[in-house]
Amino acid sequence: MTKSKMANRYSPEVRARAVRMVFEHQGSYETQAGAIAAIAPK
């Protein structure tokens, strides 16, 4: 998949929700990367 196709894979609303979830839950994980890894499948 090319970079431009990957950039449009998710809607802006889904991206915003994912970012918001990471910031809301990052205190529950040792690192931000840990929070991202846990939230990404959702």
C-alpha atoms as a PDB file:
ATOM      1  CA  MET A   1       0.000   0.000   0.000  1.00  0.00           C
ATOM      2  CA  THR A   2       1.397   3.387  -0.917  1.00  0.00           C
ATOM      3  CA  LYS A   3       1.853   6.149   1.588  1.00  0.00           C
ATOM      4  CA  SER A   4      -1.010   8.236   0.162  1.00  0.00           C
ATOM      5  CA  LYS A   5      -3.445   5.321   0.459  1.00  0.00           C
ATOM      6  CA  MET A   6      -2.395   4.704   4.050  1.00  0.00           C
ATOM      7  CA  ALA A   7      -2.927   8.357   4.904  1.00  0.00           C
ATOM      8  CA  ASN A   8      -6.582   8.070   3.851  1.00  0.00           C
ATOM      9  CA  ARG A   9      -7.270   4.712   5.447  1.00  0.00           C
ATOM     10  CA  TYR A  10      -9.175   6.181   8.410  1.00  0.00           C
ATOM     11  CA  SER A  11     -11.545   9.107   8.531  1.00  0.00           C
ATOM     12  CA  PRO A  12     -10.586  12.257  10.458  1.00  0.00           C
ATOM     13  CA  GLU A  13     -13.248  11.385  13.048  1.00  0.00           C
ATOM     14  CA  VAL A  14     -11.737   7.959  13.703  1.00  0.00           C
ATOM     15  CA  ARG A  15      -8.248   9.456  13.958  1.00  0.00           C
ATOM     16  CA  ALA A  16      -9.445  12.104  16.425  1.00  0.00           C
ATOM     17  CA  ARG A  17     -11.157   9.453  18.544  1.00  0.00           C
ATOM     18  CA  ALA A  18      -8.010   7.314  18.611  1.00  0.00           C
ATOM     19  CA  VAL A  19      -5.839  10.252  19.672  1.00  0.00           C
ATOM     20  CA  ARG A  20      -8.348  11.221  22.360  1.00  0.00           C
ATOM     21  CA  MET A  21      -8.451   7.649  23.690  1.00  0.00           C
ATOM     22  CA  VAL A  22      -4.653   7.506  23.918  1.00  0.00           C
ATOM     23  CA  PHE A  23      -4.474  10.760  25.878  1.00  0.00           C
ATOM     24  CA  GLU A  24      -7.310   9.713  28.186  1.00  0.00           C
ATOM     25  CA  HIS A  25      -5.789   6.307  28.976  1.00  0.00           C
ATOM     26  CA  GLN A  26      -2.026   6.876  28.822  1.00  0.00           C
ATOM     27  CA  GLY A  27      -1.877   7.204  32.624  1.00  0.00           C
ATOM     28  CA  SER A  28      -2.847   3.528  32.856  1.00  0.00           C
ATOM     29  CA  TYR A  29       0.272   2.452  30.924  1.00  0.00           C
ATOM     30  CA  GLU A  30       3.984   2.861  31.556  1.00  0.00           C
ATOM     31  CA  THR A  31       4.587   4.527  28.202  1.00  0.00           C
ATOM     32  CA  GLN A  32       2.584   6.294  25.535  1.00  0.00           C
ATOM     33  CA  ALA A  33       3.618   3.547  23.131  1.00  0.00           C
ATOM     34  CA  GLY A  34       2.045   1.002  25.494  1.00  0.00           C
ATOM     35  CA  ALA A  35      -1.222   2.948  25.473  1.00  0.00           C
ATOM     36  CA  ILE A  36      -1.142   3.148  21.679  1.00  0.00           C
ATOM     37  CA  ALA A  37      -0.486  -0.582  21.342  1.00  0.00           C
ATOM     38  CA  ALA A  38      -3.384  -1.394  23.674  1.00  0.00           C
ATOM     39  CA  ILE A  39      -5.842   0.988  22.009  1.00  0.00           C
ATOM     40  CA  ALA A  40      -4.887   0.365  18.369  1.00  0.00           C
ATOM     41  CA  PRO A  41      -6.900  -2.858  17.947  1.00  0.00           C
ATOM     42  CA  LYS A  42     -10.034  -1.115  19.188  1.00  0.00           C
END
